Amino acid sequence: MKNEDITSSYITTCVLNAFLSYTAVMLNCLTIYALTKLSSLPRPLKTLLLSLAVSDLGVGLMVQPSYIASLVMEMEHKTENNPAYYITYKLYVFTVNLFGFASFFGVTFLSFDRFLAVYLHLRYQELVTHKRVVVVMVSKWVFSAVLSFMRLCIPTRDSFIIYAVIYLSFLLTTTPINCKIYVTVRHHAKQIQALQVQPTATQNGEAGTSNTAGWRKFAIGTLLVYLAFLVCYLPNVCFLIVYLIFGPSSSITVILDLFSSTLLFLNSTLNPLIYCWKLRRIRLTILTILRISDITD
């Protein structure tokens, strides 16, 4: 591949990430503010969403700006014996692993939370307590920090092997879980619909229709969430594998690195839209905040 093509890919990547950095910061700040104002949301779910929003905010606030700065210096060939590039690149490497893994694990734990909510029913509130969720979230951040320091301390190839194993393990685990959630919710929707065949009253019929619609929206939302998750993370897994096979200097490795990184960062913009705005109470809170802001302006 020609150097001109690689340069144009760098420029396109910088422009896209500048836009995605802005949207990630704005959407996640709005989501965090809305979550702190919302008292009706269950505390375990609020903790999960807040932790995910904070990690996604870190991607837009720290990871993408340092990533863009590194790419600009690489395009201008200001990498050798350049302390500014060294510091910027090391900051990018540390933050991308810290916030990237925190976001990845946050999405994964939300999948497990939905799975437990569907299958445990009444036992869900007994087993999934706020204290346990806090412990899991703290452990998530500690583990993400360990992985970030590991990337700085051991050879790149070795760390990429570990990352690929972690990504594939969690993706292979969450895939059947999300499939089971979707199948179960669809089954519940059909059962509710069957009970509406001979409603005893109009009010009961309307309530059943509302419940069926709610189950269907939940099923479709779950499927869309996981599809977006796969679209954003699978290319990064492919990049790790290509890097291990062809090395860092291959043209396909460079282009795939740019493409997969941008998709990975895109997930931090999609998460507040998919996870938070799909919840009616959070959506109404955000709309209220926006209306108040328009009035004051």
Protein backbone atom coordinates (compact mmCIF):
# COMPACT_ATOMS: atom_id res chain seq x y z
CA MET A 1 0.00 0.00 0.00
CA LYS A 2 1.30 3.47 -0.92
CA ASN A 3 2.39 6.00 1.67
CA GLU A 4 -0.24 8.42 0.32
CA ASP A 5 -2.97 5.90 1.12
CA ILE A 6 -1.68 5.42 4.65
CA THR A 7 -1.45 9.19 5.16
CA SER A 8 -5.04 9.68 3.97
CA SER A 9 -6.11 6.91 6.37
CA TYR A 10 -4.35 8.75 9.21
CA ILE A 11 -6.10 12.02 8.36
CA THR A 12 -9.51 10.35 8.11
CA THR A 13 -8.93 8.60 11.44
CA CYS A 14 -7.97 11.88 13.13
CA VAL A 15 -11.08 13.67 11.85
CA LEU A 16 -13.43 10.83 12.86
CA ASN A 17 -11.91 10.53 16.32
CA ALA A 18 -12.09 14.28 16.90
CA PHE A 19 -15.84 14.13 16.23
CA LEU A 20 -16.34 10.93 18.26
CA SER A 21 -14.34 12.38 21.16
CA TYR A 22 -16.73 15.33 21.35
CA THR A 23 -19.86 13.15 21.18
CA ALA A 24 -18.49 10.69 23.76
CA VAL A 25 -17.72 13.50 26.24
CA MET A 26 -21.04 15.31 25.75
CA LEU A 27 -23.28 12.22 25.81
CA ASN A 28 -21.58 10.60 28.78
CA CYS A 29 -21.47 13.84 30.81
CA LEU A 30 -25.19 14.24 30.19
CA THR A 31 -25.80 10.61 31.12
CA ILE A 32 -23.77 10.82 34.34
CA TYR A 33 -25.61 13.98 35.37
CA ALA A 34 -28.98 12.40 34.62
CA LEU A 35 -28.10 9.25 36.58
CA THR A 36 -27.10 11.27 39.64
CA LYS A 37 -30.43 13.13 39.52
CA LEU A 38 -32.52 9.98 39.05
CA SER A 39 -33.58 8.35 42.34
CA SER A 40 -36.13 5.84 41.02
CA LEU A 41 -33.56 3.64 39.26
CA PRO A 42 -32.41 0.55 41.23
CA ARG A 43 -29.05 1.23 42.87
CA PRO A 44 -27.23 -1.82 41.41
CA LEU A 45 -28.26 -0.88 37.87
CA LYS A 46 -27.40 2.78 38.48
CA THR A 47 -23.93 1.77 39.72
CA LEU A 48 -23.33 -0.37 36.64
CA LEU A 49 -24.43 2.42 34.29
CA LEU A 50 -22.43 5.09 36.14
CA SER A 51 -19.26 2.99 36.01
CA LEU A 52 -19.75 2.36 32.30
CA ALA A 53 -20.42 6.05 31.62
CA VAL A 54 -17.28 7.08 33.54
CA SER A 55 -15.10 4.68 31.52
CA ASP A 56 -16.67 5.87 28.26
CA LEU A 57 -16.14 9.49 29.35
CA GLY A 58 -12.46 8.67 29.93
CA VAL A 59 -12.21 7.35 26.37
CA GLY A 60 -13.53 10.60 24.91
CA LEU A 61 -11.72 12.87 27.35
CA MET A 62 -8.24 11.27 27.47
CA VAL A 63 -7.83 8.34 25.10
CA GLN A 64 -8.95 9.88 21.81
CA PRO A 65 -7.14 13.25 22.22
CA SER A 66 -3.84 11.48 23.01
CA TYR A 67 -4.49 9.08 20.13
CA ILE A 68 -5.01 11.96 17.69
CA ALA A 69 -1.90 13.75 18.95
CA SER A 70 0.17 10.58 18.48
CA LEU A 71 -1.11 10.09 14.93
CA VAL A 72 -0.35 13.72 14.00
CA MET A 73 3.26 13.38 15.20
CA GLU A 74 3.61 10.10 13.34
CA MET A 75 2.37 11.73 10.12
CA GLU A 76 4.88 14.56 10.57
CA HIS A 77 7.66 12.03 11.30
CA LYS A 78 8.31 13.57 14.71
CA THR A 79 8.63 10.31 16.61
CA GLU A 80 12.38 9.64 16.93
CA ASN A 81 14.12 11.25 19.91
CA ASN A 82 10.98 13.24 20.65
CA PRO A 83 10.07 13.36 24.36
CA ALA A 84 6.65 14.85 23.56
CA TYR A 85 5.77 11.89 21.34
CA TYR A 86 7.09 9.40 23.91
CA ILE A 87 4.98 10.90 26.70
CA THR A 88 1.89 11.26 24.50
CA TYR A 89 2.14 7.73 23.17
CA LYS A 90 2.69 6.22 26.63
CA LEU A 91 -0.30 8.19 27.92
CA TYR A 92 -2.38 6.82 25.06
CA VAL A 93 -1.23 3.24 25.65
CA PHE A 94 -2.04 3.41 29.36
CA THR A 95 -5.39 5.18 29.07
CA VAL A 96 -6.65 3.15 26.10
CA ASN A 97 -6.14 -0.05 28.05
CA LEU A 98 -7.47 1.35 31.33
CA PHE A 99 -10.67 2.89 29.97
CA GLY A 100 -11.01 0.46 27.05
CA PHE A 101 -10.99 -2.62 29.27
CA ALA A 102 -13.16 -0.86 31.88
CA SER A 103 -15.74 -0.13 29.18
CA PHE A 104 -15.45 -3.66 27.76
CA PHE A 105 -15.96 -5.26 31.16
CA GLY A 106 -18.74 -2.78 31.94
CA VAL A 107 -20.70 -3.89 28.87
CA THR A 108 -19.99 -7.52 29.73
CA PHE A 109 -21.22 -7.17 33.32
CA LEU A 110 -24.38 -5.45 32.11
CA SER A 111 -25.01 -8.52 29.94
CA PHE A 112 -24.64 -10.74 33.00
CA ASP A 113 -26.93 -8.41 34.96
CA ARG A 114 -29.67 -8.70 32.31
CA PHE A 115 -29.19 -12.47 32.26
CA LEU A 116 -29.64 -12.71 36.03
CA ALA A 117 -32.65 -10.39 35.95
CA VAL A 118 -34.36 -12.61 33.36
CA TYR A 119 -33.58 -15.97 34.96
CA LEU A 120 -33.62 -15.21 38.69
CA HIS A 121 -36.86 -13.20 38.71
CA LEU A 122 -37.73 -12.60 42.39
CA ARG A 123 -34.34 -13.83 43.63
CA TYR A 124 -32.56 -11.18 41.56
CA GLN A 125 -32.93 -8.42 44.17
CA GLU A 126 -31.80 -10.80 46.90
CA LEU A 127 -28.60 -11.90 45.15
CA VAL A 128 -27.66 -8.80 43.13
CA THR A 129 -27.21 -6.25 45.92
CA HIS A 130 -25.67 -2.81 45.73
CA LYS A 131 -22.66 -3.79 47.85
CA ARG A 132 -21.86 -6.76 45.62
CA VAL A 133 -22.14 -4.64 42.49
CA VAL A 134 -19.80 -2.03 44.02
CA VAL A 135 -17.25 -4.77 44.80
CA VAL A 136 -17.46 -6.04 41.23
CA MET A 137 -17.04 -2.52 39.80
CA VAL A 138 -14.02 -1.78 42.00
CA SER A 139 -12.50 -5.11 40.96
CA LYS A 140 -13.17 -4.22 37.33
CA TRP A 141 -11.22 -0.97 37.60
CA VAL A 142 -8.35 -2.61 39.51
CA PHE A 143 -8.07 -5.40 36.93
CA SER A 144 -8.18 -2.86 34.09
CA ALA A 145 -5.38 -0.87 35.76
CA VAL A 146 -3.28 -4.04 36.13
CA LEU A 147 -3.73 -4.81 32.43
CA SER A 148 -2.72 -1.23 31.59
CA PHE A 149 0.49 -1.39 33.63
CA MET A 150 1.22 -4.82 32.16
CA ARG A 151 1.13 -3.33 28.65
CA LEU A 152 3.86 -0.87 29.70
CA CYS A 153 6.04 -3.44 31.45
CA ILE A 154 6.07 -6.50 29.17
CA PRO A 155 6.75 -6.87 25.43
CA THR A 156 3.95 -5.79 23.10
CA ARG A 157 3.58 -9.23 21.54
CA ASP A 158 3.13 -10.95 24.91
CA SER A 159 0.58 -8.39 26.11
CA PHE A 160 -1.38 -8.71 22.85
CA ILE A 161 -1.58 -12.48 23.29
CA ILE A 162 -3.04 -11.97 26.78
CA TYR A 163 -5.47 -9.33 25.50
CA ALA A 164 -6.64 -11.55 22.63
CA VAL A 165 -7.31 -14.42 25.06
CA ILE A 166 -9.28 -12.11 27.41
CA TYR A 167 -11.34 -10.62 24.58
CA LEU A 168 -12.15 -13.99 23.02
CA SER A 169 -12.98 -15.57 26.40
CA PHE A 170 -15.45 -12.88 27.34
CA LEU A 171 -16.97 -12.67 23.86
CA LEU A 172 -17.47 -16.45 23.74
CA THR A 173 -19.09 -16.27 27.19
CA THR A 174 -21.43 -13.37 26.52
CA THR A 175 -22.62 -14.64 23.12
CA PRO A 176 -24.64 -17.62 24.43
CA ILE A 177 -25.82 -15.50 27.38
CA ASN A 178 -27.29 -12.82 25.12
CA CYS A 179 -28.79 -15.47 22.83
CA LYS A 180 -30.51 -17.07 25.84
CA ILE A 181 -31.80 -13.68 26.98
CA TYR A 182 -33.29 -12.98 23.57
CA VAL A 183 -34.89 -16.44 23.24
CA THR A 184 -36.31 -16.30 26.78
CA VAL A 185 -37.76 -12.82 26.36
CA ARG A 186 -39.33 -13.76 23.03
CA HIS A 187 -40.86 -16.82 24.72
CA HIS A 188 -42.29 -14.66 27.51
CA ALA A 189 -43.74 -12.25 24.93
CA LYS A 190 -45.50 -15.12 23.14
CA GLN A 191 -46.89 -16.42 26.45
CA ILE A 192 -48.26 -12.98 27.33
CA GLN A 193 -49.76 -12.64 23.87
CA ALA A 194 -51.46 -16.05 24.20
CA LEU A 195 -53.14 -14.91 27.42
CA GLN A 196 -54.71 -12.01 25.51
CA VAL A 197 -56.79 -14.24 23.24
CA GLN A 198 -59.84 -13.94 25.47
CA PRO A 199 -59.34 -10.92 27.74
CA THR A 200 -61.96 -10.55 30.43
CA ALA A 201 -61.95 -6.79 30.21
CA THR A 202 -60.72 -4.04 27.98
CA GLN A 203 -58.39 -2.75 30.68
CA ASN A 204 -56.79 -6.18 31.08
CA GLY A 205 -56.41 -6.46 27.33
CA GLU A 206 -54.71 -3.09 27.12
CA ALA A 207 -52.38 -3.99 29.98
CA GLY A 208 -51.47 -7.28 28.30
CA THR A 209 -50.76 -5.51 25.03
CA SER A 210 -48.53 -3.05 26.85
CA ASN A 211 -46.64 -5.89 28.57
CA THR A 212 -46.16 -7.73 25.28
CA ALA A 213 -44.84 -4.60 23.61
CA GLY A 214 -42.48 -4.08 26.55
CA TRP A 215 -41.10 -7.62 26.29
CA ARG A 216 -40.62 -7.27 22.54
CA LYS A 217 -38.79 -3.95 22.93
CA PHE A 218 -36.58 -5.51 25.59
CA ALA A 219 -35.75 -8.45 23.31
CA ILE A 220 -34.98 -6.26 20.30
CA GLY A 221 -33.00 -3.82 22.45
CA THR A 222 -30.94 -6.66 23.91
CA LEU A 223 -30.12 -7.98 20.46
CA LEU A 224 -29.17 -4.55 19.09
CA VAL A 225 -26.99 -3.81 22.10
CA TYR A 226 -24.99 -6.99 21.67
CA LEU A 227 -24.69 -6.57 17.90
CA ALA A 228 -23.25 -3.08 18.43
CA PHE A 229 -20.91 -4.58 21.04
CA LEU A 230 -19.65 -7.19 18.55
CA VAL A 231 -19.27 -4.69 15.71
CA CYS A 232 -17.11 -2.42 17.89
CA TYR A 233 -14.90 -5.07 19.52
CA LEU A 234 -14.46 -7.91 17.03
CA PRO A 235 -12.29 -5.84 14.63
CA ASN A 236 -9.93 -5.10 17.53
CA VAL A 237 -9.63 -8.83 18.23
CA CYS A 238 -8.87 -9.35 14.52
CA PHE A 239 -6.18 -6.64 14.74
CA LEU A 240 -4.49 -8.40 17.66
CA ILE A 241 -4.44 -11.66 15.71
CA VAL A 242 -3.15 -9.97 12.52
CA TYR A 243 -0.46 -8.19 14.55
CA LEU A 244 0.72 -11.49 16.02
CA ILE A 245 0.86 -13.10 12.54
CA PHE A 246 2.21 -10.31 10.29
CA GLY A 247 3.96 -8.03 12.78
CA PRO A 248 3.63 -4.27 13.36
CA SER A 249 5.19 -3.07 10.09
CA SER A 250 2.73 -4.70 7.70
CA SER A 251 0.44 -2.31 5.78
CA ILE A 252 -2.61 -4.42 6.63
CA THR A 253 -1.68 -4.25 10.32
CA VAL A 254 -1.39 -0.44 10.23
CA ILE A 255 -4.70 0.07 8.43
CA LEU A 256 -6.53 -2.48 10.58
CA ASP A 257 -5.12 -0.79 13.70
CA LEU A 258 -6.59 2.56 12.62
CA PHE A 259 -9.94 1.05 11.66
CA SER A 260 -10.35 -1.19 14.73
CA SER A 261 -9.30 1.55 17.16
CA THR A 262 -11.88 3.97 15.75
CA LEU A 263 -14.63 1.35 16.01
CA LEU A 264 -13.53 0.58 19.55
CA PHE A 265 -13.84 4.25 20.50
CA LEU A 266 -17.20 4.50 18.71
CA ASN A 267 -18.60 2.15 21.34
CA SER A 268 -18.12 4.87 23.96
CA THR A 269 -20.50 7.10 21.99
CA LEU A 270 -23.01 4.32 21.35
CA ASN A 271 -23.19 3.07 24.96
CA PRO A 272 -25.00 6.11 26.46
CA LEU A 273 -27.41 6.07 23.53
CA ILE A 274 -28.18 2.36 23.70
CA TYR A 275 -28.00 1.57 27.40
CA CYS A 276 -29.20 4.77 29.02
CA TRP A 277 -31.53 6.35 26.50
CA LYS A 278 -33.35 3.03 25.96
CA LEU A 279 -34.44 3.26 29.60
CA ARG A 280 -37.52 5.48 29.72
CA ARG A 281 -36.83 7.01 33.13
CA ILE A 282 -33.31 8.09 32.15
CA ARG A 283 -34.50 9.35 28.78
CA LEU A 284 -37.19 11.51 30.40
CA THR A 285 -34.67 12.88 32.90
CA ILE A 286 -32.28 13.84 30.10
CA LEU A 287 -35.07 15.49 28.12
CA THR A 288 -36.08 17.45 31.23
CA ILE A 289 -32.50 18.63 31.71
CA LEU A 290 -32.29 19.73 28.08
CA ARG A 291 -35.61 21.61 28.32
CA ILE A 292 -34.47 23.43 31.45
CA SER A 293 -31.21 24.32 29.70
CA ASP A 294 -33.12 25.77 26.72
CA ILE A 295 -35.34 27.84 29.01
CA THR A 296 -32.40 29.30 30.95
CA ASP A 297 -30.62 30.17 27.70
